[in-house]
Protein backbone atom coordinates (compact mmCIF):
# COMPACT_ATOMS: atom_id res chain seq x y z
CA MET A 1 68.56 76.69 129.70
CA SER A 2 70.78 74.40 127.63
CA PHE A 3 74.56 74.69 127.63
CA LYS A 4 74.51 75.98 124.04
CA ASN A 5 72.13 78.84 124.89
CA LEU A 6 74.12 79.64 128.04
CA TRP A 7 77.38 79.76 126.06
CA ASN A 8 75.84 81.99 123.38
CA SER A 9 74.47 84.38 125.98
CA LEU A 10 77.91 84.66 127.63
CA THR A 11 79.99 85.05 124.46
CA SER A 12 77.71 86.76 121.90
CA TYR A 13 77.75 90.50 121.27
CA THR A 14 74.85 92.65 120.11
CA PRO A 15 75.86 96.05 118.70
CA PRO A 16 73.93 98.92 120.34
CA ASN A 17 71.67 101.12 118.26
CA GLU A 18 72.88 104.31 119.96
CA TYR A 19 76.27 105.50 121.19
CA GLN A 20 76.94 107.97 123.96
CA PHE A 21 79.89 109.72 122.31
CA SER A 22 77.74 111.54 119.71
CA LEU A 23 77.42 115.31 120.25
CA LEU A 24 74.19 115.58 118.27
CA GLU A 25 70.76 115.54 119.82
CA LYS A 26 68.91 112.27 119.62
CA SER A 27 66.36 113.66 117.19
CA ASN A 28 69.12 114.90 114.84
CA ARG A 29 71.44 111.92 115.19
CA PRO A 30 71.96 109.98 111.97
CA PRO A 31 71.19 106.27 112.03
CA SER A 32 74.05 104.17 113.40
CA PRO A 33 75.97 102.20 110.79
CA TYR A 34 75.99 99.28 113.20
CA SER A 35 72.19 99.05 113.63
CA GLY A 36 70.62 95.75 112.75
CA ASN A 37 67.93 97.21 110.48
CA ARG A 38 70.42 98.99 108.21
CA GLN A 39 69.64 98.88 104.49
CA GLU A 40 72.38 99.28 101.95
CA ASN A 41 71.89 100.82 98.56
CA ASN A 42 73.82 98.61 96.13
CA SER A 43 72.51 100.29 93.01
CA PRO A 44 75.21 101.86 90.83
CA LYS A 45 75.66 105.57 91.41
CA ALA A 46 75.31 108.02 88.55
CA LYS A 47 78.59 109.69 87.64
CA THR A 48 78.88 113.40 88.42
CA ALA A 49 79.68 115.52 85.38
CA ILE A 50 82.35 118.22 85.54
CA TYR A 51 80.96 121.70 86.22
CA PRO A 52 81.91 124.45 83.73
CA SER A 53 82.21 126.88 86.64
CA LEU A 54 85.63 126.55 88.24
CA SER A 55 84.44 127.76 91.66
CA VAL A 56 81.76 125.06 91.82
CA SER A 57 84.26 122.35 90.80
CA LEU A 58 86.74 123.64 93.39
CA GLU A 59 84.13 123.47 96.13
CA TYR A 60 83.16 119.94 95.09
CA VAL A 61 86.84 118.83 95.15
CA ASN A 62 87.46 120.42 98.57
CA THR A 63 84.42 118.68 100.00
CA HIS A 64 85.14 115.31 98.44
CA TYR A 65 88.78 115.16 99.53
CA ASN A 66 88.38 117.00 102.86
CA VAL A 67 91.16 119.35 101.81
CA MET A 68 90.97 121.31 105.07
CA ILE A 69 92.13 118.30 107.12
CA ASN A 70 93.86 116.11 104.51
CA SER A 71 97.51 117.13 104.66
CA ASP A 72 98.68 115.34 101.49
CA ILE A 73 95.90 116.54 99.14
CA ILE A 74 97.20 119.59 97.28
CA VAL A 75 95.08 122.05 95.28
CA ARG A 76 97.30 124.43 93.27
CA GLU A 77 95.37 127.42 91.91
CA PHE A 78 96.93 129.52 89.12
CA THR A 79 96.19 131.50 85.97
CA LEU A 80 97.04 130.04 82.58
CA ASN A 81 97.62 131.84 79.29
CA ALA A 82 96.08 130.62 76.05
CA ARG A 83 96.04 132.59 72.78
CA GLY A 84 96.48 135.90 74.51
CA LYS A 85 93.74 135.32 77.07
CA GLN A 86 93.94 134.31 80.71
CA TYR A 87 91.88 131.60 82.39
CA HIS A 88 91.62 130.57 86.02
CA ALA A 89 92.60 126.95 86.70
CA PHE A 90 93.78 124.63 89.46
CA LEU A 91 95.70 121.37 89.74
CA LEU A 92 94.66 118.53 92.06
CA TYR A 93 97.27 115.98 93.11
CA ILE A 94 98.50 113.91 96.07
CA ASP A 95 101.82 114.90 97.59
CA GLY A 96 104.27 112.00 97.62
CA MET A 97 102.73 110.21 94.64
CA ILE A 98 103.74 112.62 91.88
CA ASP A 99 107.07 113.68 90.41
CA SER A 100 107.28 117.38 91.29
CA GLU A 101 109.99 118.11 88.73
CA LEU A 102 107.98 116.44 85.99
CA MET A 103 104.88 118.46 86.84
CA ASP A 104 106.81 121.74 87.04
CA HIS A 105 108.54 121.36 83.66
CA PHE A 106 105.78 119.76 81.59
CA VAL A 107 102.56 121.06 83.14
CA LEU A 108 102.94 124.33 85.04
CA GLN A 109 105.65 126.03 82.97
CA PRO A 110 103.96 125.58 79.55
CA LEU A 111 100.68 126.86 80.97
CA MET A 112 101.89 129.77 83.09
CA MET A 113 105.09 131.13 81.53
CA ARG A 114 105.17 133.29 78.41
CA ASN A 115 105.88 131.54 75.11
CA GLN A 116 104.86 131.97 71.49
CA ASN A 117 102.11 129.37 71.78
CA ASN A 118 100.08 130.78 74.65
CA LEU A 119 100.61 134.48 73.78
CA PHE A 120 99.43 134.39 70.17
CA GLU A 121 97.07 137.35 69.62
CA GLY A 122 95.75 136.61 66.14
CA GLU A 123 92.26 135.65 65.09
CA GLN A 124 90.51 132.97 67.07
CA ASN A 125 89.54 131.07 63.93
CA ARG A 126 92.67 129.42 62.55
CA VAL A 127 93.46 127.50 59.37
CA ILE A 128 94.13 123.92 60.46
CA SER A 129 94.81 122.38 57.05
CA GLU A 130 95.49 123.51 53.50
CA ALA A 131 95.48 121.44 50.33
CA VAL A 132 95.99 122.28 46.64
CA THR A 133 93.75 120.41 44.18
CA ASN A 134 93.74 121.28 40.45
CA ASN A 135 95.48 124.59 41.20
CA ILE A 136 92.69 125.43 43.66
CA THR A 137 93.65 126.00 47.28
CA VAL A 138 91.23 124.44 49.78
CA ARG A 139 91.42 125.65 53.35
CA LYS A 140 89.69 124.15 56.38
CA VAL A 141 88.94 126.61 59.14
CA LYS A 142 87.98 125.50 62.63
CA LYS A 143 86.66 127.60 65.43
CA PHE A 144 88.99 128.00 68.40
CA ASP A 145 88.50 125.23 70.98
CA LEU A 146 90.21 125.88 74.30
CA GLY A 147 90.18 122.24 75.38
CA ALA A 148 91.68 120.98 72.13
CA TYR A 149 94.24 123.81 72.15
CA LEU A 150 95.43 122.93 75.65
CA MET A 151 95.55 119.26 74.77
CA ASN A 152 97.47 119.65 71.52
CA CYS A 153 99.68 122.70 72.12
CA LEU A 154 100.23 123.53 75.78
CA LEU A 155 100.51 120.13 77.51
CA PRO A 156 103.71 118.43 76.28
CA GLN A 157 103.40 115.56 78.75
CA ASN A 158 103.28 112.21 76.92
CA THR A 159 100.13 110.79 78.57
CA VAL A 160 97.15 113.15 78.86
CA ASN A 161 93.49 112.05 78.86
CA GLN A 162 90.31 114.07 78.84
CA VAL A 163 87.62 112.91 81.28
CA SER A 164 84.13 114.30 81.67
CA ASN A 165 83.16 113.20 85.19
CA PHE A 166 84.61 113.53 88.67
CA GLU A 167 84.82 109.77 89.31
CA GLU A 168 87.33 109.16 86.50
CA ALA A 169 89.30 112.26 87.47
CA PHE A 170 89.54 111.18 91.11
CA SER A 171 90.55 107.66 90.05
CA GLY A 172 93.52 109.09 88.17
CA VAL A 173 94.50 111.36 91.08
CA ASN A 174 94.34 108.43 93.52
CA SER A 175 96.70 106.43 91.30
CA GLY A 176 99.36 109.18 91.17
CA ASN A 177 98.24 111.49 88.35
CA CYS A 178 97.30 115.16 88.54
CA ALA A 179 93.96 116.61 87.39
CA LEU A 180 93.82 119.98 85.61
CA PHE A 181 90.54 121.93 85.99
CA VAL A 182 90.09 124.99 83.74
CA ASP A 183 87.36 127.60 84.02
CA THR A 184 84.57 127.38 81.38
CA LEU A 185 85.55 123.80 80.42
CA PRO A 186 83.27 120.86 81.34
CA ILE A 187 86.25 118.48 81.09
CA VAL A 188 89.30 117.62 83.19
CA PHE A 189 92.78 116.78 81.92
CA ASP A 190 94.13 113.64 83.59
CA ILE A 191 97.92 114.03 83.32
CA GLU A 192 100.29 111.20 84.23
CA VAL A 193 103.04 112.50 86.51
CA LYS A 194 103.58 109.47 88.74
CA GLY A 195 106.72 109.64 90.82
CA PHE A 196 106.25 107.62 94.01
CA LYS A 197 109.08 105.49 95.32
CA GLN A 198 109.15 101.84 94.32
CA ARG A 199 111.47 98.86 94.62
CA SER A 200 113.86 98.22 91.76
CA VAL A 201 114.05 94.90 89.91
CA ASP A 202 116.01 92.41 92.00
CA LYS A 203 116.84 88.71 92.13
CA PRO A 204 114.09 86.18 92.94
CA SER A 205 114.05 85.27 96.60
CA ASN A 206 111.85 82.13 96.53
CA GLU A 207 112.35 80.65 93.04
CA ILE A 208 116.12 80.47 92.66
CA VAL A 209 117.54 78.78 89.56
CA ILE A 210 121.05 77.94 88.43
CA LYS A 211 120.58 78.48 84.70
CA GLY A 212 118.18 81.26 83.81
CA PRO A 213 117.47 84.98 84.22
CA HIS A 214 117.94 86.56 87.62
CA GLU A 215 115.05 89.02 87.50
CA ALA A 216 111.92 89.02 89.62
CA PHE A 217 108.63 90.86 89.58
CA VAL A 218 108.21 93.95 91.77
CA GLU A 219 105.22 95.71 93.29
CA SER A 220 104.62 98.04 90.31
CA ILE A 221 102.26 96.48 87.76
CA ARG A 222 103.68 98.55 84.89
CA THR A 223 107.21 97.42 85.68
CA ASN A 224 105.99 93.82 85.71
CA THR A 225 104.24 94.12 82.35
CA SER A 226 107.36 95.72 80.88
CA LEU A 227 109.43 92.74 82.07
CA ILE A 228 107.13 90.47 80.06
CA ARG A 229 107.14 92.81 77.05
CA ARG A 230 110.94 92.77 77.01
CA VAL A 231 110.92 89.00 76.53
CA ILE A 232 107.93 88.67 74.18
CA ASN A 233 108.71 91.10 71.37
CA ASN A 234 105.39 90.54 69.63
CA GLU A 235 102.30 92.63 69.04
CA ASN A 236 100.04 89.65 69.76
CA LEU A 237 100.75 89.95 73.47
CA ILE A 238 97.61 91.55 74.91
CA ILE A 239 97.57 93.17 78.36
CA GLU A 240 94.09 94.25 79.49
CA ASN A 241 93.53 96.49 82.52
CA VAL A 242 90.86 95.55 85.07
CA GLU A 243 89.96 97.37 88.29
CA ILE A 244 88.82 95.25 91.25
CA GLY A 245 87.42 96.56 94.52
CA LYS A 246 84.82 99.26 95.02
CA ILE A 247 87.02 101.09 97.54
CA THR A 248 90.61 100.23 96.64
CA LYS A 249 90.05 99.97 92.85
CA THR A 250 93.10 97.77 92.61
CA LYS A 251 94.58 97.68 89.12
CA CYS A 252 95.00 94.21 87.66
CA ALA A 253 96.35 93.03 84.32
CA LEU A 254 94.99 90.19 82.19
CA CYS A 255 97.80 88.95 79.91
CA TYR A 256 97.50 86.48 77.04
CA MET A 257 98.71 85.77 73.50
CA LYS A 258 95.96 86.73 71.06
CA ASN A 259 97.02 84.25 68.38
CA ILE A 260 97.74 81.31 70.73
CA THR A 261 95.46 81.29 73.78
CA ASN A 262 92.04 79.68 73.53
CA THR A 263 89.38 82.40 73.26
CA ASP A 264 87.06 80.56 75.65
CA LEU A 265 89.78 80.54 78.31
CA ILE A 266 90.30 84.29 77.84
CA ALA A 267 86.57 84.94 78.11
CA GLU A 268 86.29 82.82 81.27
CA ALA A 269 89.17 84.61 82.96
CA ARG A 270 87.80 88.02 81.96
CA TYR A 271 84.31 87.03 83.19
CA ARG A 272 85.58 85.98 86.62
CA LEU A 273 87.62 89.16 87.05
CA ASN A 274 84.75 91.44 86.03
CA ASN A 275 82.29 89.76 88.40
CA LEU A 276 83.99 90.23 91.76
CA GLU A 277 81.72 92.33 93.99
CA ILE A 278 84.11 93.19 96.82
CA ASP A 279 85.25 96.38 98.54
CA SER A 280 88.98 95.68 98.50
CA MET A 281 91.53 93.33 96.98
CA LEU A 282 95.09 93.81 98.19
CA SER A 283 97.20 90.94 96.90
CA ALA A 284 97.55 88.23 94.29
CA GLY A 285 96.88 85.63 96.99
CA GLN A 286 93.41 87.07 97.57
CA LEU A 287 92.72 87.16 93.83
CA GLU A 288 93.79 83.53 93.54
CA GLN A 289 91.19 82.51 96.12
CA LEU A 290 88.47 84.63 94.53
CA ILE A 291 88.76 83.17 91.03
CA ALA A 292 89.59 79.54 91.87
CA ASP A 293 87.09 76.73 91.44
CA SER A 294 85.82 75.20 94.67
CA ASN A 295 87.45 71.93 95.67
CA ASP A 296 87.24 69.63 98.68
CA LEU A 297 90.97 69.12 99.24
CA GLY A 298 92.09 72.73 99.08
CA VAL A 299 94.77 72.04 96.46
CA PRO A 300 96.08 75.19 94.75
CA GLN A 301 94.37 75.66 91.38
CA ALA A 302 96.38 78.68 90.25
CA LEU A 303 100.16 78.84 90.01
CA SER A 304 101.97 81.79 91.58
CA THR A 305 105.39 82.83 90.32
CA GLU A 306 107.77 85.74 90.86
CA ARG A 307 109.81 84.98 87.74
CA PRO A 308 109.05 86.76 84.43
CA ASP A 309 110.66 83.98 82.38
CA LYS A 310 108.37 81.39 83.96
CA ALA A 311 105.29 83.52 83.30
CA VAL A 312 106.40 84.06 79.69
CA GLY A 313 106.83 80.31 79.19
CA TYR A 314 103.24 79.68 80.27
CA LEU A 315 101.98 82.55 78.09
CA LEU A 316 103.62 81.02 75.04
CA ASP A 317 102.02 77.67 75.95
CA GLY A 318 98.56 79.26 75.69
CA ARG A 319 97.72 80.12 79.29
CA VAL A 320 96.53 83.31 80.94
CA VAL A 321 98.67 85.34 83.37
CA LEU A 322 97.09 87.69 85.92
CA MET A 323 98.93 90.47 87.75
CA VAL A 324 97.91 92.63 90.70
CA ASN A 325 99.33 96.05 91.41
CA GLY A 326 101.24 96.03 94.69
CA THR A 327 102.14 92.31 94.58
CA PRO A 328 105.42 90.92 93.18
CA TYR A 329 103.75 87.71 91.98
CA ALA A 330 101.92 86.68 88.82
CA ILE A 331 99.08 84.15 88.73
CA VAL A 332 99.00 81.53 85.97
CA VAL A 333 95.70 79.84 85.06
CA PRO A 334 94.78 77.10 84.48
CA ALA A 335 97.24 75.10 86.59
CA ILE A 336 97.47 71.32 86.77
CA PHE A 337 99.26 68.86 89.04
CA ASN A 338 102.42 68.74 86.91
CA ASP A 339 102.91 72.51 87.09
CA PHE A 340 103.44 72.49 90.85
CA LEU A 341 106.32 70.04 90.55
CA SER A 342 108.09 71.91 87.74
CA SER A 343 110.97 74.34 88.03
CA PRO A 344 112.26 76.90 85.50
CA ASP A 345 115.55 75.00 85.52
CA ASP A 346 113.83 71.98 83.93
CA ARG A 347 113.74 73.64 80.51
CA ASN A 348 117.30 74.95 80.77
CA LEU A 349 119.02 71.68 81.70
CA LYS A 350 119.57 68.65 79.53
CA VAL A 351 116.53 66.43 79.42
CA THR A 352 118.26 63.57 81.29
CA PHE A 353 119.08 65.76 84.27
CA SER A 354 115.69 67.49 84.21
CA ASN A 355 113.79 64.20 84.32
CA PHE A 356 116.03 62.96 87.12
CA LEU A 357 115.14 66.03 89.19
CA LYS A 358 111.44 65.65 88.34
CA GLY A 359 111.62 62.04 89.54
CA ILE A 360 113.20 63.23 92.80
CA ARG A 361 110.37 65.73 93.29
CA PHE A 362 107.74 63.07 92.59
CA LEU A 363 109.36 60.89 95.27
CA ALA A 364 109.37 63.91 97.60
CA VAL A 365 105.59 64.19 97.22
CA PHE A 366 105.06 60.62 98.45
CA LEU A 367 107.56 61.00 101.29
CA THR A 368 105.98 64.26 102.47
CA LEU A 369 102.46 62.89 102.33
CA LEU A 370 102.81 59.24 103.36
CA LEU A 371 106.12 58.49 105.12
CA PRO A 372 104.99 59.23 108.73
CA GLY A 373 101.75 57.34 108.12
CA PHE A 374 103.66 54.33 106.75
CA TYR A 375 105.99 54.37 109.76
CA ILE A 376 103.16 54.33 112.28
CA ALA A 377 101.30 51.65 110.28
CA VAL A 378 104.35 49.39 110.12
CA THR A 379 105.27 49.73 113.80
CA SER A 380 101.66 49.29 114.99
CA PHE A 381 100.17 46.66 112.59
CA HIS A 382 102.63 45.29 110.05
CA GLN A 383 105.85 44.47 111.85
CA GLU A 384 106.31 41.44 109.59
CA VAL A 385 107.35 43.58 106.62
CA LEU A 386 110.50 44.72 108.44
CA PRO A 387 113.75 42.73 108.60
CA THR A 388 114.19 41.11 112.00
CA GLU A 389 117.32 43.09 112.86
CA LEU A 390 115.64 46.39 112.02
CA LEU A 391 112.56 45.43 114.02
CA PHE A 392 114.69 44.62 117.07
CA SER A 393 116.52 47.93 116.65
CA ILE A 394 113.23 49.87 116.58
CA LEU A 395 111.88 48.01 119.61
CA ALA A 396 115.11 48.63 121.53
CA SER A 397 115.04 52.35 120.72
CA ARG A 398 111.43 52.62 121.94
CA GLU A 399 111.99 50.60 125.08
CA SER A 400 112.64 53.67 127.23
CA VAL A 401 109.91 55.85 125.63
CA PRO A 402 106.85 56.02 127.93
CA PHE A 403 104.41 57.50 125.37
CA PRO A 404 102.39 55.77 122.65
CA ILE A 405 103.77 56.07 119.16
CA ILE A 406 100.99 58.36 117.92
CA PHE A 407 101.75 60.89 120.65
CA GLU A 408 105.47 60.63 119.98
CA LEU A 409 105.01 61.21 116.25
CA LEU A 410 102.59 64.13 116.66
CA VAL A 411 104.93 65.85 119.13
CA MET A 412 107.82 65.70 116.69
CA GLU A 413 105.76 66.72 113.65
CA ILE A 414 104.23 69.70 115.42
CA SER A 415 107.63 70.65 116.82
CA PHE A 416 109.09 70.58 113.31
CA GLU A 417 106.27 72.82 112.02
CA LEU A 418 106.89 75.23 114.91
CA ILE A 419 110.60 75.37 114.08
CA ARG A 420 109.80 75.99 110.40
CA GLU A 421 107.35 78.81 111.20
CA ALA A 422 109.68 80.37 113.75
CA GLY A 423 112.54 80.34 111.23
CA LEU A 424 110.37 82.34 108.81
CA ARG A 425 109.09 84.92 111.31
CA VAL A 426 112.17 85.77 113.35
CA PRO A 427 114.70 88.36 112.07
CA SER A 428 117.03 87.11 109.36
CA PRO A 429 120.26 86.96 111.45
CA ILE A 430 118.51 84.73 114.02
CA GLY A 431 116.68 82.46 111.55
CA PRO A 432 119.51 79.96 110.90
CA THR A 433 120.21 79.84 114.64
CA ILE A 434 116.61 78.82 115.34
CA GLY A 435 116.88 75.98 112.81
CA ILE A 436 120.17 74.70 114.22
CA VAL A 437 118.99 74.88 117.84
CA GLY A 438 115.65 73.24 117.01
CA ALA A 439 117.05 70.47 114.86
CA LEU A 440 120.15 69.53 116.84
CA VAL A 441 119.84 70.63 120.44
CA LEU A 442 116.14 69.97 121.01
CA GLY A 443 116.19 66.72 119.00
CA GLN A 444 119.19 65.33 120.85
CA ALA A 445 117.76 66.45 124.18
CA ALA A 446 114.43 64.74 123.44
CA VAL A 447 116.20 61.48 122.59
CA SER A 448 118.40 61.65 125.68
CA ALA A 449 115.39 62.35 127.90
CA GLY A 450 113.55 59.32 126.52
CA ILE A 451 110.66 61.36 125.10
CA VAL A 452 111.12 60.17 121.48
CA SER A 453 113.05 57.40 119.79
CA PRO A 454 116.04 58.03 117.47
CA ILE A 455 114.39 56.30 114.51
CA LEU A 456 111.47 58.74 114.73
CA ILE A 457 113.88 61.67 114.52
CA ILE A 458 115.14 60.22 111.23
CA ILE A 459 111.60 59.77 109.87
CA VAL A 460 110.59 63.34 110.73
CA ALA A 461 113.85 64.74 109.31
CA ILE A 462 113.43 62.89 106.00
CA THR A 463 109.81 64.05 105.77
CA GLY A 464 110.80 67.66 106.43
CA ILE A 465 113.64 67.59 103.87
CA ALA A 466 111.28 66.09 101.29
CA SER A 467 108.75 68.89 101.87
CA PHE A 468 111.45 71.47 101.07
CA ALA A 469 112.00 69.80 97.68
CA ILE A 470 108.49 70.80 96.50
CA PRO A 471 109.00 73.85 94.20
CA ASP A 472 105.61 75.45 94.92
CA TYR A 473 105.00 76.71 98.47
CA SER A 474 101.20 76.39 98.31
CA PHE A 475 101.28 72.80 97.09
CA GLY A 476 103.92 71.89 99.67
CA PHE A 477 101.71 73.40 102.38
CA HIS A 478 98.80 71.30 101.11
CA LEU A 479 100.88 68.10 101.41
CA ARG A 480 102.07 69.04 104.90
CA TYR A 481 98.49 69.61 106.01
CA PHE A 482 97.13 66.28 104.70
CA ARG A 483 100.12 64.40 106.10
CA PHE A 484 98.42 64.48 109.50
CA LEU A 485 95.31 62.84 108.02
CA PHE A 486 97.36 59.87 106.79
CA ILE A 487 99.08 59.65 110.17
CA PHE A 488 95.70 59.10 111.85
CA LEU A 489 94.60 56.66 109.13
CA GLY A 490 97.79 54.63 109.57
CA TYR A 491 97.39 54.62 113.35
CA MET A 492 93.76 53.43 113.20
CA SER A 493 93.82 50.90 110.32
CA GLY A 494 97.38 50.42 109.13
CA PHE A 495 97.99 49.92 105.41
CA PHE A 496 94.28 49.41 104.78
CA GLY A 497 93.42 52.85 106.16
CA ILE A 498 96.22 54.52 104.20
CA ALA A 499 95.23 52.75 100.97
CA LEU A 500 91.57 53.67 101.42
CA GLY A 501 92.42 57.29 102.23
CA PHE A 502 94.83 57.53 99.30
CA PHE A 503 92.18 56.12 96.95
CA VAL A 504 89.67 58.75 98.07
CA TYR A 505 92.38 61.43 97.82
CA LEU A 506 93.21 60.51 94.22
CA ALA A 507 89.52 60.26 93.31
CA VAL A 508 88.87 63.79 94.56
CA LEU A 509 92.00 65.06 92.78
CA CYS A 510 90.82 63.51 89.51
CA ASN A 511 87.43 65.18 89.99
CA THR A 512 89.00 68.62 90.50
CA ASP A 513 89.11 71.20 87.71
CA SER A 514 91.08 74.39 87.17
CA PHE A 515 89.25 76.72 84.78
CA GLY A 516 87.59 73.69 83.20
CA ILE A 517 90.82 71.68 82.85
CA PRO A 518 91.07 68.36 84.77
CA TYR A 519 93.63 68.72 87.54
CA MET A 520 95.34 65.38 86.88
CA VAL A 521 95.55 65.67 83.10
CA ASN A 522 98.84 64.42 81.58
CA THR A 523 99.59 62.26 84.63
CA SER A 524 97.62 59.16 83.62
CA SER A 525 100.50 57.91 81.45
CA LEU A 526 104.19 58.61 81.11
CA GLU A 527 103.77 59.97 77.60
CA ASN A 528 100.89 60.67 75.22
CA SER A 529 100.71 61.17 71.48
CA LYS A 530 101.75 64.83 71.65
CA HIS A 531 104.77 64.15 73.87
CA HIS A 532 103.24 65.95 76.87
CA SER A 533 103.59 64.16 80.19
CA TYR A 534 105.17 64.60 83.58
CA PHE A 535 108.63 63.85 82.19
CA LEU A 536 110.02 66.12 79.49
CA PRO A 537 110.93 64.89 76.00
CA PRO A 538 114.07 66.19 74.25
CA ILE A 539 113.80 69.81 73.19
CA TRP A 540 113.74 68.89 69.51
CA LYS A 541 110.63 66.76 70.16
CA ARG A 542 108.62 69.51 71.82
CA GLU A 543 106.80 70.21 68.60
CA TYR A 544 103.27 70.71 69.95
CA ARG A 545 101.74 72.80 72.70
CA ALA A 546 99.71 71.12 75.42
CA ASN A 547 96.60 69.70 73.73
CA PHE A 548 94.45 69.97 76.86
CA LEU A 549 94.59 73.78 76.51
CA ASN A 550 93.19 73.55 72.97
CA PRO A 551 95.35 76.48 71.76
CA GLN A 552 94.67 78.32 68.52
CA LYS A 553 98.19 77.59 67.33
CA GLU A 554 98.91 73.95 68.07
CA LYS A 555 102.49 73.67 66.79
CA ARG A 556 105.29 75.58 68.47
CA GLN A 557 108.12 74.55 66.11
CA GLU A 558 108.74 72.72 62.88
CA PRO A 559 109.13 68.91 62.81
CA ILE A 560 112.82 69.41 62.06
CA ALA A 561 113.92 72.20 64.40
CA MET A 562 117.68 71.68 64.01
CA LYS A 563 117.95 72.21 60.28
CA TRP A 564 121.69 72.68 60.56
CA LYS A 565 121.90 69.00 61.49
CA TYR A 566 119.06 67.42 59.52
CA LYS A 567 118.69 68.98 56.07
């Protein structure tokens, strides 16, 4: 027996076909869900229509929701009055997800208590309209319809929908609505009475700006869409609802400007959202991975933001914004290299200061990715590029270090990553203490003990500070991950290995797409004909939208925007 087969036999697990904890006889035991010959039925299920008999519908609801053991599923049976007659009915809702006061005042009281609408005892056929034409009175008479009467007269709640199957009714109940079942009616009234607790709008915690709004997205998708609506006061803003997940049925929003965004981009985003065959989807991070194009480097291809003003800026540029209920982040697609080095402050500051900061961030990318690799390449292969005094200083600092430089560098880099991760995971009052202890005490102790050299502490510190200057967390994580690759390339082949690796890295980046848009577009030159590049032009020159998006409306402002100055 080979080692591979021996290892597999020791570590593999085969689920049993039968379990001893079942109380049923073997002949009556249902097939185990863990059996290897299980066959799943993936065909779409037919929707169950609402039964006109209230008792049958009540039994179906009790069975479906396990009302006998489910403590938060409430079935409220009552008798409603309509046009002098009484009908049996019941409400289905989830305790803790509805506003009880709202349901009492706008659902139960109009249906149960006496008022002139539900106690009318006249004829069942009523005149619904009357018009006088050529001195001739024309009356339209309609037969009494209980469903329409409840909908139009006895349910004053602002959002009420009629559904004809149990699946749609249960979907509304699961999202915080209540379902009204009435005897003799083959329909259900889906009434919005949501009232669960949610976090209020607060300041952004990860994307802090000096000049700009101090509002951030929250976990409620409707609150998030309202934050966008408050900024874009235009009817061309379209927000489509999409449900993802066969079990969770997570509500998502597809946002775009109908008169600006490319229709092909909208269709591609809608196609990807509607073709996700998964059971659950719980966050925007999972959605980002599910809709992103495959790439070899793992660079982020969708931009995440918690700022409404940033999402609005990309919407007005002609991009698509995706939102997920339960996640305080929006996803912007497509996203290119320049987007991950941009900050909302760039458009609020003067162009000179903005471009200075963008240059600092571009330098931070190279320091994060290549500085440790350059250090190990210089000290191992290319000592001649250093001034003699600096070379002697480095050699003197490493004289008492017993480890090779690759081991020394990896120990410090991994230690820095451990300190960074520990600072994020520990409780907030202890977080700054962890950073101070790790950076000062452990670093000084390592130098005093002769484990690392002082110059290496400086290199690792500069690299870590540069990584914090990257505005996007996902892109910064990508650079931190590939930094170790360039460390090994510099250790094995010096500048030649780093140059070869960087060439392959750029080639793969240039071959990467985000929703059909080249990842490195607008970075080949400092400025193109439409004034779109990495560095920003003056605000009065931002006449055109990004041409790589091919928007329907190319111009964003007139050639002379400041007419008060140039008449």
